[in-house]
């Protein structure tokens, strides 16, 4: 990517951010709130102290990975929105291995992480095969599999893996499978390093490997891929599988790397929506792994700092979510426009 293109995208993102902040300020003013106080509370709450930054990073950790699922699909010319369901499977896989098996420290954590990734990848295979052999659009198949995963995992959480006497949550993973808290008093654990490392690995895969080059060629168009002699079926399958690995890892880390429960709620409340949130973060990060790292931290800041908007500026929680939504939508618009232009050129 040329330096001029990087500067252009940064300018577009900064302009979109200003527009989003302006629209949010207008909305808060209409309802009688002090927008300057609200935004200052948001910033201080997200990044005002080391403890707040730690909580912001904790919010960013799973979103970083689900954003990768969507971004990898876009790189391959796919609109894969199956991260939500694959995330659920990764979480329940972590509960099974992390909570039911006693293994040595280190080995237990590694086995739990690998199982979560495997479960996520396996859940992506059927939509991939439907796309490859039957031409079923991935939006339809992944939405269907998201809901199948939701009810399947909820059944397991409520009726098969529930903690005795506490039906609102599953069993907790054993201590040998958990990440330690980095900063006492916060929910940030070593899982953040795994998220960042995996994202950097995907960046290297896309940028310097032959398979990553083939994936990008496929994203440029079917005709280009055929002309280059690329096995379209293989590359399509690999894009789904890599996305499934990322989403499954996100679900697993949300269980073994997010205190205090280290468990899955029966309603799936501690993982619900993280897959869909990743789509917005991927768009903000321009579907680039490095951009996604910064976009997920920004999103985590909105989530954590939004709490401060409520009790310091008095902004109603519903309005906080609306303002955050306006900011996210505004930031996503430049990449949506770019995607549409690429689609029209194909």
C-alpha atoms as a PDB file:
ATOM      1  CA  UNK A   1       0.000   0.000   0.000  1.00  0.00           C
ATOM      2  CA  UNK A   2       1.489   3.350  -1.073  1.00  0.00           C
ATOM      3  CA  UNK A   3       2.056   6.139   1.433  1.00  0.00           C
ATOM      4  CA  UNK A   4      -0.348   8.426  -0.458  1.00  0.00           C
ATOM      5  CA  UNK A   5      -3.123   5.852  -0.137  1.00  0.00           C
ATOM      6  CA  UNK A   6      -2.415   5.477   3.575  1.00  0.00           C
ATOM      7  CA  UNK A   7      -2.658   9.257   4.073  1.00  0.00           C
ATOM      8  CA  UNK A   8      -5.854   9.353   2.030  1.00  0.00           C
ATOM      9  CA  UNK A   9      -7.459   6.647   4.149  1.00  0.00           C
ATOM     10  CA  UNK A  10      -6.349   8.318   7.370  1.00  0.00           C
ATOM     11  CA  UNK A  11      -7.866  11.591   6.173  1.00  0.00           C
ATOM     12  CA  UNK A  12     -11.117   9.837   5.274  1.00  0.00           C
ATOM     13  CA  UNK A  13     -11.243   8.141   8.680  1.00  0.00           C
ATOM     14  CA  UNK A  14     -10.512  11.366  10.558  1.00  0.00           C
ATOM     15  CA  UNK A  15     -13.196  13.222   8.582  1.00  0.00           C
ATOM     16  CA  UNK A  16     -15.691  10.440   9.246  1.00  0.00           C
ATOM     17  CA  UNK A  17     -14.855  10.570  12.956  1.00  0.00           C
ATOM     18  CA  UNK A  18     -15.515  14.308  13.075  1.00  0.00           C
ATOM     19  CA  UNK A  19     -18.834  13.800  11.304  1.00  0.00           C
ATOM     20  CA  UNK A  20     -19.809  11.040  13.727  1.00  0.00           C
ATOM     21  CA  UNK A  21     -18.900  13.166  16.748  1.00  0.00           C
ATOM     22  CA  UNK A  22     -20.858  16.090  15.328  1.00  0.00           C
ATOM     23  CA  UNK A  23     -23.955  13.986  14.710  1.00  0.00           C
ATOM     24  CA  UNK A  24     -23.700  12.532  18.220  1.00  0.00           C
ATOM     25  CA  UNK A  25     -23.373  16.028  19.674  1.00  0.00           C
ATOM     26  CA  UNK A  26     -26.448  17.192  17.780  1.00  0.00           C
ATOM     27  CA  UNK A  27     -28.431  14.221  19.062  1.00  0.00           C
ATOM     28  CA  UNK A  28     -27.405  14.840  22.670  1.00  0.00           C
ATOM     29  CA  UNK A  29     -28.146  18.558  22.368  1.00  0.00           C
ATOM     30  CA  UNK A  30     -31.633  17.803  21.083  1.00  0.00           C
ATOM     31  CA  UNK A  31     -32.312  15.803  24.252  1.00  0.00           C
ATOM     32  CA  UNK A  32     -30.850  18.491  26.487  1.00  0.00           C
ATOM     33  CA  UNK A  33     -27.467  17.006  27.370  1.00  0.00           C
ATOM     34  CA  UNK A  34     -24.099  18.776  27.481  1.00  0.00           C
ATOM     35  CA  UNK A  35     -22.231  17.175  24.576  1.00  0.00           C
ATOM     36  CA  UNK A  36     -18.819  18.572  25.598  1.00  0.00           C
ATOM     37  CA  UNK A  37     -19.163  17.134  29.095  1.00  0.00           C
ATOM     38  CA  UNK A  38     -20.393  13.850  27.624  1.00  0.00           C
ATOM     39  CA  UNK A  39     -17.480  13.493  25.204  1.00  0.00           C
ATOM     40  CA  UNK A  40     -14.896  14.499  27.801  1.00  0.00           C
ATOM     41  CA  UNK A  41     -16.386  11.871  30.134  1.00  0.00           C
ATOM     42  CA  UNK A  42     -16.210   9.327  27.318  1.00  0.00           C
ATOM     43  CA  UNK A  43     -12.542  10.031  26.641  1.00  0.00           C
ATOM     44  CA  UNK A  44     -11.525  10.090  30.297  1.00  0.00           C
ATOM     45  CA  UNK A  45     -13.472   6.902  30.934  1.00  0.00           C
ATOM     46  CA  UNK A  46     -11.794   5.118  28.034  1.00  0.00           C
ATOM     47  CA  UNK A  47      -8.209   6.337  28.294  1.00  0.00           C
ATOM     48  CA  UNK A  48      -7.978   8.593  31.357  1.00  0.00           C
ATOM     49  CA  UNK A  49      -5.955   6.210  33.503  1.00  0.00           C
ATOM     50  CA  UNK A  50      -3.966   3.017  33.248  1.00  0.00           C
ATOM     51  CA  UNK A  51      -6.859   1.113  34.796  1.00  0.00           C
ATOM     52  CA  UNK A  52      -9.331   2.547  32.289  1.00  0.00           C
ATOM     53  CA  UNK A  53      -7.007   1.713  29.406  1.00  0.00           C
ATOM     54  CA  UNK A  54      -6.765  -1.849  30.716  1.00  0.00           C
ATOM     55  CA  UNK A  55     -10.559  -2.175  30.695  1.00  0.00           C
ATOM     56  CA  UNK A  56     -10.691  -0.704  27.202  1.00  0.00           C
ATOM     57  CA  UNK A  57      -8.215  -3.344  26.010  1.00  0.00           C
ATOM     58  CA  UNK A  58     -10.292  -6.055  27.693  1.00  0.00           C
ATOM     59  CA  UNK A  59     -13.309  -4.938  25.659  1.00  0.00           C
ATOM     60  CA  UNK A  60     -11.175  -4.855  22.497  1.00  0.00           C
ATOM     61  CA  UNK A  61      -9.780  -8.372  22.888  1.00  0.00           C
ATOM     62  CA  UNK A  62     -12.594 -10.524  21.382  1.00  0.00           C
ATOM     63  CA  UNK A  63     -13.766  -7.902  18.874  1.00  0.00           C
ATOM     64  CA  UNK A  64     -10.306  -7.817  17.323  1.00  0.00           C
ATOM     65  CA  UNK A  65     -10.678 -11.463  16.359  1.00  0.00           C
ATOM     66  CA  UNK A  66     -14.283 -11.453  15.142  1.00  0.00           C
ATOM     67  CA  UNK A  67     -13.376  -8.445  12.984  1.00  0.00           C
ATOM     68  CA  UNK A  68     -10.667 -10.592  11.394  1.00  0.00           C
ATOM     69  CA  UNK A  69     -13.284 -13.179  10.416  1.00  0.00           C
ATOM     70  CA  UNK A  70     -15.180 -10.611   8.392  1.00  0.00           C
ATOM     71  CA  UNK A  71     -12.031  -8.984   6.997  1.00  0.00           C
ATOM     72  CA  UNK A  72     -10.564 -12.275   5.767  1.00  0.00           C
ATOM     73  CA  UNK A  73     -13.819 -12.970   3.954  1.00  0.00           C
ATOM     74  CA  UNK A  74     -13.769  -9.556   2.290  1.00  0.00           C
ATOM     75  CA  UNK A  75     -10.162 -10.100   1.199  1.00  0.00           C
ATOM     76  CA  UNK A  76     -11.363 -13.235  -0.593  1.00  0.00           C
ATOM     77  CA  UNK A  77     -14.435 -11.566  -2.068  1.00  0.00           C
ATOM     78  CA  UNK A  78     -16.799 -13.118   0.488  1.00  0.00           C
ATOM     79  CA  UNK A  79     -19.334 -11.474   2.794  1.00  0.00           C
ATOM     80  CA  UNK A  80     -18.869 -13.875   5.679  1.00  0.00           C
ATOM     81  CA  UNK A  81     -20.979 -12.831   8.678  1.00  0.00           C
ATOM     82  CA  UNK A  82     -20.720 -16.174  10.458  1.00  0.00           C
ATOM     83  CA  UNK A  83     -18.386 -15.028  13.248  1.00  0.00           C
ATOM     84  CA  UNK A  84     -21.268 -14.901  15.711  1.00  0.00           C
ATOM     85  CA  UNK A  85     -22.085 -18.596  15.453  1.00  0.00           C
ATOM     86  CA  UNK A  86     -18.457 -19.657  15.272  1.00  0.00           C
ATOM     87  CA  UNK A  87     -17.798 -17.586  18.392  1.00  0.00           C
ATOM     88  CA  UNK A  88     -20.502 -19.526  20.253  1.00  0.00           C
ATOM     89  CA  UNK A  89     -18.944 -22.840  19.290  1.00  0.00           C
ATOM     90  CA  UNK A  90     -15.511 -21.648  20.346  1.00  0.00           C
ATOM     91  CA  UNK A  91     -16.878 -20.629  23.747  1.00  0.00           C
ATOM     92  CA  UNK A  92     -18.592 -23.957  24.391  1.00  0.00           C
ATOM     93  CA  UNK A  93     -15.486 -25.806  23.217  1.00  0.00           C
ATOM     94  CA  UNK A  94     -13.471 -23.899  25.804  1.00  0.00           C
ATOM     95  CA  UNK A  95     -15.978 -24.838  28.506  1.00  0.00           C
ATOM     96  CA  UNK A  96     -15.817 -28.530  27.581  1.00  0.00           C
ATOM     97  CA  UNK A  97     -12.027 -28.843  27.573  1.00  0.00           C
ATOM     98  CA  UNK A  98     -11.284 -26.172  30.144  1.00  0.00           C
ATOM     99  CA  UNK A  99     -13.942 -27.253  32.613  1.00  0.00           C
ATOM    100  CA  UNK A 100     -14.240 -31.018  32.266  1.00  0.00           C
ATOM    101  CA  UNK A 101     -10.645 -32.157  31.795  1.00  0.00           C
ATOM    102  CA  UNK A 102      -7.828 -31.868  34.309  1.00  0.00           C
ATOM    103  CA  UNK A 103      -4.552 -31.272  32.504  1.00  0.00           C
ATOM    104  CA  UNK A 104      -1.188 -29.835  33.514  1.00  0.00           C
ATOM    105  CA  UNK A 105      -0.817 -26.037  33.513  1.00  0.00           C
ATOM    106  CA  UNK A 106       0.219 -24.710  30.132  1.00  0.00           C
ATOM    107  CA  UNK A 107      -0.938 -27.857  28.375  1.00  0.00           C
ATOM    108  CA  UNK A 108      -4.471 -27.275  29.614  1.00  0.00           C
ATOM    109  CA  UNK A 109      -4.593 -23.693  28.377  1.00  0.00           C
ATOM    110  CA  UNK A 110      -3.124 -24.641  25.001  1.00  0.00           C
ATOM    111  CA  UNK A 111      -5.579 -27.521  24.589  1.00  0.00           C
ATOM    112  CA  UNK A 112      -8.495 -25.250  25.479  1.00  0.00           C
ATOM    113  CA  UNK A 113      -7.427 -22.588  22.995  1.00  0.00           C
ATOM    114  CA  UNK A 114      -6.872 -25.094  20.192  1.00  0.00           C
ATOM    115  CA  UNK A 115     -10.235 -26.740  20.849  1.00  0.00           C
ATOM    116  CA  UNK A 116     -12.021 -23.394  20.715  1.00  0.00           C
ATOM    117  CA  UNK A 117     -10.346 -22.599  17.399  1.00  0.00           C
ATOM    118  CA  UNK A 118     -11.134 -26.049  16.039  1.00  0.00           C
ATOM    119  CA  UNK A 119     -14.819 -25.784  16.990  1.00  0.00           C
ATOM    120  CA  UNK A 120     -15.070 -22.396  15.294  1.00  0.00           C
ATOM    121  CA  UNK A 121     -13.399 -23.678  12.147  1.00  0.00           C
ATOM    122  CA  UNK A 122     -15.590 -26.774  12.008  1.00  0.00           C
ATOM    123  CA  UNK A 123     -18.713 -24.610  12.214  1.00  0.00           C
ATOM    124  CA  UNK A 124     -17.540 -22.699   9.146  1.00  0.00           C
ATOM    125  CA  UNK A 125     -17.134 -25.769   6.952  1.00  0.00           C
ATOM    126  CA  UNK A 126     -20.775 -26.348   5.972  1.00  0.00           C
ATOM    127  CA  UNK A 127     -21.384 -22.751   4.793  1.00  0.00           C
ATOM    128  CA  UNK A 128     -18.098 -23.009   2.903  1.00  0.00           C
ATOM    129  CA  UNK A 129     -19.124 -26.224   1.170  1.00  0.00           C
ATOM    130  CA  UNK A 130     -22.566 -24.819   0.371  1.00  0.00           C
ATOM    131  CA  UNK A 131     -20.854 -21.846  -1.255  1.00  0.00           C
ATOM    132  CA  UNK A 132     -18.316 -23.930  -3.161  1.00  0.00           C
ATOM    133  CA  UNK A 133     -20.495 -26.753  -4.466  1.00  0.00           C
ATOM    134  CA  UNK A 134     -24.046 -25.374  -4.489  1.00  0.00           C
ATOM    135  CA  UNK A 135     -23.483 -21.654  -4.943  1.00  0.00           C
ATOM    136  CA  UNK A 136     -25.430 -20.770  -1.786  1.00  0.00           C
ATOM    137  CA  UNK A 137     -24.675 -17.170  -0.838  1.00  0.00           C
ATOM    138  CA  UNK A 138     -22.613 -16.980   2.327  1.00  0.00           C
ATOM    139  CA  UNK A 139     -24.832 -14.305   3.898  1.00  0.00           C
ATOM    140  CA  UNK A 140     -27.804 -16.668   3.894  1.00  0.00           C
ATOM    141  CA  UNK A 141     -25.937 -19.756   5.071  1.00  0.00           C
ATOM    142  CA  UNK A 142     -23.937 -18.007   7.802  1.00  0.00           C
ATOM    143  CA  UNK A 143     -27.011 -16.258   9.228  1.00  0.00           C
ATOM    144  CA  UNK A 144     -28.787 -19.614   9.398  1.00  0.00           C
ATOM    145  CA  UNK A 145     -25.801 -21.222  11.100  1.00  0.00           C
ATOM    146  CA  UNK A 146     -25.536 -18.339  13.553  1.00  0.00           C
ATOM    147  CA  UNK A 147     -29.010 -19.094  14.865  1.00  0.00           C
ATOM    148  CA  UNK A 148     -28.457 -22.847  14.856  1.00  0.00           C
ATOM    149  CA  UNK A 149     -25.305 -22.289  16.907  1.00  0.00           C
ATOM    150  CA  UNK A 150     -27.124 -19.928  19.276  1.00  0.00           C
ATOM    151  CA  UNK A 151     -29.803 -22.422  20.279  1.00  0.00           C
ATOM    152  CA  UNK A 152     -27.464 -25.418  20.206  1.00  0.00           C
ATOM    153  CA  UNK A 153     -24.919 -23.771  22.502  1.00  0.00           C
ATOM    154  CA  UNK A 154     -27.637 -22.385  24.775  1.00  0.00           C
ATOM    155  CA  UNK A 155     -29.034 -25.902  25.144  1.00  0.00           C
ATOM    156  CA  UNK A 156     -25.613 -27.238  26.102  1.00  0.00           C
ATOM    157  CA  UNK A 157     -25.042 -24.361  28.511  1.00  0.00           C
ATOM    158  CA  UNK A 158     -28.400 -24.733  30.258  1.00  0.00           C
ATOM    159  CA  UNK A 159     -28.931 -28.487  30.279  1.00  0.00           C
ATOM    160  CA  UNK A 160     -25.599 -30.244  29.878  1.00  0.00           C
ATOM    161  CA  UNK A 161     -22.854 -28.025  31.252  1.00  0.00           C
ATOM    162  CA  UNK A 162     -24.662 -25.901  33.836  1.00  0.00           C
ATOM    163  CA  UNK A 163     -22.970 -25.494  37.196  1.00  0.00           C
ATOM    164  CA  UNK A 164     -24.877 -27.498  39.833  1.00  0.00           C
ATOM    165  CA  UNK A 165     -27.125 -25.197  41.830  1.00  0.00           C
ATOM    166  CA  UNK A 166     -26.467 -22.251  39.494  1.00  0.00           C
ATOM    167  CA  UNK A 167     -28.457 -22.623  36.321  1.00  0.00           C
ATOM    168  CA  UNK A 168     -27.587 -19.093  35.145  1.00  0.00           C
ATOM    169  CA  UNK A 169     -24.062 -20.154  34.131  1.00  0.00           C
ATOM    170  CA  UNK A 170     -22.034 -23.100  33.008  1.00  0.00           C
ATOM    171  CA  UNK A 171     -19.284 -24.704  35.007  1.00  0.00           C
ATOM    172  CA  UNK A 172     -16.209 -22.490  35.227  1.00  0.00           C
ATOM    173  CA  UNK A 173     -13.013 -23.519  33.507  1.00  0.00           C
ATOM    174  CA  UNK A 174     -10.341 -24.844  35.848  1.00  0.00           C
ATOM    175  CA  UNK A 175      -7.580 -22.532  37.025  1.00  0.00           C
ATOM    176  CA  UNK A 176      -5.011 -24.376  34.908  1.00  0.00           C
ATOM    177  CA  UNK A 177      -6.881 -23.233  31.777  1.00  0.00           C
ATOM    178  CA  UNK A 178      -7.263 -19.566  32.773  1.00  0.00           C
ATOM    179  CA  UNK A 179      -5.256 -16.521  31.848  1.00  0.00           C
ATOM    180  CA  UNK A 180      -4.000 -14.504  34.792  1.00  0.00           C
ATOM    181  CA  UNK A 181      -5.141 -10.943  35.324  1.00  0.00           C
ATOM    182  CA  UNK A 182      -2.416  -8.530  34.218  1.00  0.00           C
ATOM    183  CA  UNK A 183      -3.542  -5.626  36.372  1.00  0.00           C
ATOM    184  CA  UNK A 184      -5.360  -6.345  39.648  1.00  0.00           C
ATOM    185  CA  UNK A 185      -8.735  -4.650  39.834  1.00  0.00           C
ATOM    186  CA  UNK A 186      -9.342  -4.907  36.096  1.00  0.00           C
ATOM    187  CA  UNK A 187     -10.559  -7.656  33.760  1.00  0.00           C
ATOM    188  CA  UNK A 188      -7.544  -7.465  31.451  1.00  0.00           C
ATOM    189  CA  UNK A 189      -5.676 -10.756  31.169  1.00  0.00           C
ATOM    190  CA  UNK A 190      -2.888 -12.180  29.052  1.00  0.00           C
ATOM    191  CA  UNK A 191      -5.513 -13.115  26.458  1.00  0.00           C
ATOM    192  CA  UNK A 192      -4.982  -9.690  24.884  1.00  0.00           C
ATOM    193  CA  UNK A 193      -1.487 -10.768  23.804  1.00  0.00           C
ATOM    194  CA  UNK A 194      -2.921 -13.844  22.092  1.00  0.00           C
ATOM    195  CA  UNK A 195      -5.434 -11.686  20.212  1.00  0.00           C
ATOM    196  CA  UNK A 196      -2.786  -9.244  19.012  1.00  0.00           C
ATOM    197  CA  UNK A 197      -0.356 -12.048  18.103  1.00  0.00           C
ATOM    198  CA  UNK A 198      -3.000 -13.891  16.074  1.00  0.00           C
ATOM    199  CA  UNK A 199      -3.913 -10.675  14.262  1.00  0.00           C
ATOM    200  CA  UNK A 200      -0.266 -10.048  13.381  1.00  0.00           C
ATOM    201  CA  UNK A 201       0.074 -13.632  12.140  1.00  0.00           C
ATOM    202  CA  UNK A 202      -2.904 -13.111   9.838  1.00  0.00           C
ATOM    203  CA  UNK A 203      -1.356  -9.854   8.614  1.00  0.00           C
ATOM    204  CA  UNK A 204       1.850 -11.701   7.753  1.00  0.00           C
ATOM    205  CA  UNK A 205      -0.144 -14.516   6.112  1.00  0.00           C
ATOM    206  CA  UNK A 206      -2.020 -12.103   3.865  1.00  0.00           C
ATOM    207  CA  UNK A 207       1.017  -9.990   3.056  1.00  0.00           C
ATOM    208  CA  UNK A 208       3.904 -12.376   2.405  1.00  0.00           C
ATOM    209  CA  UNK A 209       2.637 -15.915   1.774  1.00  0.00           C
ATOM    210  CA  UNK A 210       1.610 -17.459  -1.508  1.00  0.00           C
ATOM    211  CA  UNK A 211      -1.734 -18.535  -0.047  1.00  0.00           C
ATOM    212  CA  UNK A 212      -2.400 -15.008   1.156  1.00  0.00           C
ATOM    213  CA  UNK A 213      -1.599 -13.644  -2.307  1.00  0.00           C
ATOM    214  CA  UNK A 214      -4.029 -16.121  -3.858  1.00  0.00           C
ATOM    215  CA  UNK A 215      -6.682 -15.053  -1.385  1.00  0.00           C
ATOM    216  CA  UNK A 216      -6.241 -11.411  -2.381  1.00  0.00           C
ATOM    217  CA  UNK A 217      -6.327 -12.300  -6.082  1.00  0.00           C
ATOM    218  CA  UNK A 218      -9.630 -14.111  -5.552  1.00  0.00           C
ATOM    219  CA  UNK A 219     -10.952 -11.006  -3.841  1.00  0.00           C
ATOM    220  CA  UNK A 220     -10.076  -8.995  -6.944  1.00  0.00           C
ATOM    221  CA  UNK A 221     -12.451 -11.120  -8.996  1.00  0.00           C
ATOM    222  CA  UNK A 222     -13.210 -14.613 -10.230  1.00  0.00           C
ATOM    223  CA  UNK A 223     -11.856 -13.883 -13.704  1.00  0.00           C
ATOM    224  CA  UNK A 224      -8.527 -12.714 -12.308  1.00  0.00           C
ATOM    225  CA  UNK A 225      -8.307 -15.817 -10.115  1.00  0.00           C
ATOM    226  CA  UNK A 226      -9.055 -18.162 -13.008  1.00  0.00           C
ATOM    227  CA  UNK A 227      -6.548 -16.394 -15.250  1.00  0.00           C
ATOM    228  CA  UNK A 228      -3.893 -16.779 -12.522  1.00  0.00           C
ATOM    229  CA  UNK A 229      -4.640 -20.503 -12.292  1.00  0.00           C
ATOM    230  CA  UNK A 230      -5.806 -20.315  -8.682  1.00  0.00           C
ATOM    231  CA  UNK A 231      -7.822 -23.173  -7.202  1.00  0.00           C
ATOM    232  CA  UNK A 232     -10.905 -21.127  -6.304  1.00  0.00           C
ATOM    233  CA  UNK A 233     -12.521 -23.883  -4.244  1.00  0.00           C
ATOM    234  CA  UNK A 234      -9.431 -24.384  -2.094  1.00  0.00           C
ATOM    235  CA  UNK A 235      -8.890 -20.681  -1.478  1.00  0.00           C
ATOM    236  CA  UNK A 236     -12.567 -20.133  -0.653  1.00  0.00           C
ATOM    237  CA  UNK A 237     -12.474 -22.970   1.848  1.00  0.00           C
ATOM    238  CA  UNK A 238      -9.293 -21.624   3.427  1.00  0.00           C
ATOM    239  CA  UNK A 239     -10.873 -18.160   3.842  1.00  0.00           C
ATOM    240  CA  UNK A 240     -13.819 -19.690   5.701  1.00  0.00           C
ATOM    241  CA  UNK A 241     -11.574 -21.852   7.855  1.00  0.00           C
ATOM    242  CA  UNK A 242      -9.249 -19.007   8.841  1.00  0.00           C
ATOM    243  CA  UNK A 243     -12.260 -16.891   9.721  1.00  0.00           C
ATOM    244  CA  UNK A 244     -13.630 -19.754  11.802  1.00  0.00           C
ATOM    245  CA  UNK A 245     -10.330 -20.133  13.632  1.00  0.00           C
ATOM    246  CA  UNK A 246     -10.349 -16.428  14.513  1.00  0.00           C
ATOM    247  CA  UNK A 247     -13.955 -16.412  15.715  1.00  0.00           C
ATOM    248  CA  UNK A 248     -13.537 -19.646  17.663  1.00  0.00           C
ATOM    249  CA  UNK A 249     -10.462 -18.181  19.337  1.00  0.00           C
ATOM    250  CA  UNK A 250     -12.477 -15.082  20.269  1.00  0.00           C
ATOM    251  CA  UNK A 251     -15.120 -17.236  21.940  1.00  0.00           C
ATOM    252  CA  UNK A 252     -12.554 -19.301  23.773  1.00  0.00           C
ATOM    253  CA  UNK A 253     -10.613 -16.287  25.043  1.00  0.00           C
ATOM    254  CA  UNK A 254     -13.806 -14.650  26.240  1.00  0.00           C
ATOM    255  CA  UNK A 255     -14.223 -17.670  28.524  1.00  0.00           C
ATOM    256  CA  UNK A 256     -10.687 -18.382  29.729  1.00  0.00           C
ATOM    257  CA  UNK A 257      -9.470 -14.809  29.547  1.00  0.00           C
ATOM    258  CA  UNK A 258     -12.333 -12.776  31.024  1.00  0.00           C
ATOM    259  CA  UNK A 259     -12.797 -12.787  34.820  1.00  0.00           C
ATOM    260  CA  UNK A 260     -14.480 -13.096  37.189  1.00  0.00           C
ATOM    261  CA  UNK A 261     -16.705 -16.022  36.169  1.00  0.00           C
ATOM    262  CA  UNK A 262     -14.514 -17.787  33.580  1.00  0.00           C
ATOM    263  CA  UNK A 263     -17.738 -19.366  32.410  1.00  0.00           C
ATOM    264  CA  UNK A 264     -20.517 -18.976  29.862  1.00  0.00           C
ATOM    265  CA  UNK A 265     -23.802 -17.425  30.936  1.00  0.00           C
ATOM    266  CA  UNK A 266     -26.873 -19.516  30.214  1.00  0.00           C
ATOM    267  CA  UNK A 267     -28.290 -16.703  28.087  1.00  0.00           C
ATOM    268  CA  UNK A 268     -24.932 -16.394  26.268  1.00  0.00           C
ATOM    269  CA  UNK A 269     -25.005 -12.786  27.461  1.00  0.00           C
ATOM    270  CA  UNK A 270     -21.233 -12.479  27.871  1.00  0.00           C
ATOM    271  CA  UNK A 271     -20.564 -13.402  24.232  1.00  0.00           C
ATOM    272  CA  UNK A 272     -23.791 -12.421  22.441  1.00  0.00           C
ATOM    273  CA  UNK A 273     -23.300  -9.856  19.685  1.00  0.00           C
ATOM    274  CA  UNK A 274     -19.503  -9.922  19.642  1.00  0.00           C
ATOM    275  CA  UNK A 275     -19.470 -11.495  16.189  1.00  0.00           C
ATOM    276  CA  UNK A 276     -21.699  -8.816  14.687  1.00  0.00           C
ATOM    277  CA  UNK A 277     -19.799  -6.044  16.482  1.00  0.00           C
ATOM    278  CA  UNK A 278     -16.699  -7.300  14.709  1.00  0.00           C
ATOM    279  CA  UNK A 279     -18.200  -6.343  11.338  1.00  0.00           C
ATOM    280  CA  UNK A 280     -18.306  -2.682  12.321  1.00  0.00           C
ATOM    281  CA  UNK A 281     -14.783  -2.834  13.720  1.00  0.00           C
ATOM    282  CA  UNK A 282     -13.498  -4.470  10.522  1.00  0.00           C
ATOM    283  CA  UNK A 283     -15.039  -1.672   8.458  1.00  0.00           C
ATOM    284  CA  UNK A 284     -13.554   1.003  10.710  1.00  0.00           C
ATOM    285  CA  UNK A 285     -10.156  -0.696  10.355  1.00  0.00           C
ATOM    286  CA  UNK A 286     -10.605  -0.789   6.549  1.00  0.00           C
ATOM    287  CA  UNK A 287     -10.526  -4.592   6.636  1.00  0.00           C
ATOM    288  CA  UNK A 288      -6.789  -4.470   7.305  1.00  0.00           C
ATOM    289  CA  UNK A 289      -5.382  -6.490  10.242  1.00  0.00           C
ATOM    290  CA  UNK A 290      -3.267  -3.599  11.545  1.00  0.00           C
ATOM    291  CA  UNK A 291      -6.174  -1.205  11.195  1.00  0.00           C
ATOM    292  CA  UNK A 292      -8.375  -3.674  13.043  1.00  0.00           C
ATOM    293  CA  UNK A 293      -6.064  -3.600  16.077  1.00  0.00           C
ATOM    294  CA  UNK A 294      -6.508   0.160  16.438  1.00  0.00           C
ATOM    295  CA  UNK A 295     -10.192   0.048  15.508  1.00  0.00           C
ATOM    296  CA  UNK A 296     -10.926  -2.569  18.165  1.00  0.00           C
ATOM    297  CA  UNK A 297      -9.185  -0.466  20.821  1.00  0.00           C
ATOM    298  CA  UNK A 298     -11.238   2.540  19.717  1.00  0.00           C
ATOM    299  CA  UNK A 299     -14.398   0.443  19.898  1.00  0.00           C
ATOM    300  CA  UNK A 300     -13.404  -0.849  23.327  1.00  0.00           C
ATOM    301  CA  UNK A 301     -12.984   2.772  24.394  1.00  0.00           C
ATOM    302  CA  UNK A 302     -16.513   3.577  23.258  1.00  0.00           C
ATOM    303  CA  UNK A 303     -17.861   0.600  25.201  1.00  0.00           C
ATOM    304  CA  UNK A 304     -15.981   1.303  28.414  1.00  0.00           C
ATOM    305  CA  UNK A 305     -16.081   5.097  28.203  1.00  0.00           C
ATOM    306  CA  UNK A 306     -19.798   5.001  27.521  1.00  0.00           C
ATOM    307  CA  UNK A 307     -20.318   4.011  31.154  1.00  0.00           C
ATOM    308  CA  UNK A 308     -18.743   7.280  32.250  1.00  0.00           C
ATOM    309  CA  UNK A 309     -21.052   9.209  29.940  1.00  0.00           C
ATOM    310  CA  UNK A 310     -23.948   7.757  31.879  1.00  0.00           C
ATOM    311  CA  UNK A 311     -23.002   8.581  35.454  1.00  0.00           C
ATOM    312  CA  UNK A 312     -20.720  11.602  34.967  1.00  0.00           C
ATOM    313  CA  UNK A 313     -22.619  13.450  32.240  1.00  0.00           C
ATOM    314  CA  UNK A 314     -25.983  11.906  33.065  1.00  0.00           C
ATOM    315  CA  UNK A 315     -26.599  10.713  29.493  1.00  0.00           C
ATOM    316  CA  UNK A 316     -29.254   7.986  29.332  1.00  0.00           C
ATOM    317  CA  UNK A 317     -27.860   4.551  28.498  1.00  0.00           C
ATOM    318  CA  UNK A 318     -30.064   4.254  25.411  1.00  0.00           C
ATOM    319  CA  UNK A 319     -28.734   7.563  24.113  1.00  0.00           C
ATOM    320  CA  UNK A 320     -25.146   6.501  24.821  1.00  0.00           C
ATOM    321  CA  UNK A 321     -25.657   3.471  22.599  1.00  0.00           C
ATOM    322  CA  UNK A 322     -27.244   5.663  19.908  1.00  0.00           C
ATOM    323  CA  UNK A 323     -24.318   8.111  19.970  1.00  0.00           C
ATOM    324  CA  UNK A 324     -21.779   5.282  19.824  1.00  0.00           C
ATOM    325  CA  UNK A 325     -23.731   3.797  16.945  1.00  0.00           C
ATOM    326  CA  UNK A 326     -23.615   7.061  15.007  1.00  0.00           C
ATOM    327  CA  UNK A 327     -19.863   7.279  15.481  1.00  0.00           C
ATOM    328  CA  UNK A 328     -19.331   3.679  14.372  1.00  0.00           C
ATOM    329  CA  UNK A 329     -21.585   4.042  11.326  1.00  0.00           C
ATOM    330  CA  UNK A 330     -19.834   7.250  10.286  1.00  0.00           C
ATOM    331  CA  UNK A 331     -16.420   5.602  10.574  1.00  0.00           C
ATOM    332  CA  UNK A 332     -17.606   2.573   8.608  1.00  0.00           C
ATOM    333  CA  UNK A 333     -18.914   4.599   5.652  1.00  0.00           C
ATOM    334  CA  UNK A 334     -15.532   5.173   3.897  1.00  0.00           C
ATOM    335  CA  UNK A 335     -14.802   1.450   3.741  1.00  0.00           C
ATOM    336  CA  UNK A 336     -18.361   0.636   2.675  1.00  0.00           C
ATOM    337  CA  UNK A 337     -17.986   3.098  -0.210  1.00  0.00           C
ATOM    338  CA  UNK A 338     -14.630   1.534  -1.137  1.00  0.00           C
ATOM    339  CA  UNK A 339     -16.155  -1.952  -1.066  1.00  0.00           C
ATOM    340  CA  UNK A 340     -19.004  -0.852  -3.341  1.00  0.00           C
ATOM    341  CA  UNK A 341     -16.559   0.687  -5.794  1.00  0.00           C
ATOM    342  CA  UNK A 342     -14.503  -2.506  -5.879  1.00  0.00           C
ATOM    343  CA  UNK A 343     -17.673  -4.540  -6.373  1.00  0.00           C
ATOM    344  CA  UNK A 344     -18.767  -2.407  -9.326  1.00  0.00           C
ATOM    345  CA  UNK A 345     -15.333  -2.783 -10.948  1.00  0.00           C
ATOM    346  CA  UNK A 346     -15.341  -6.593 -10.712  1.00  0.00           C
END
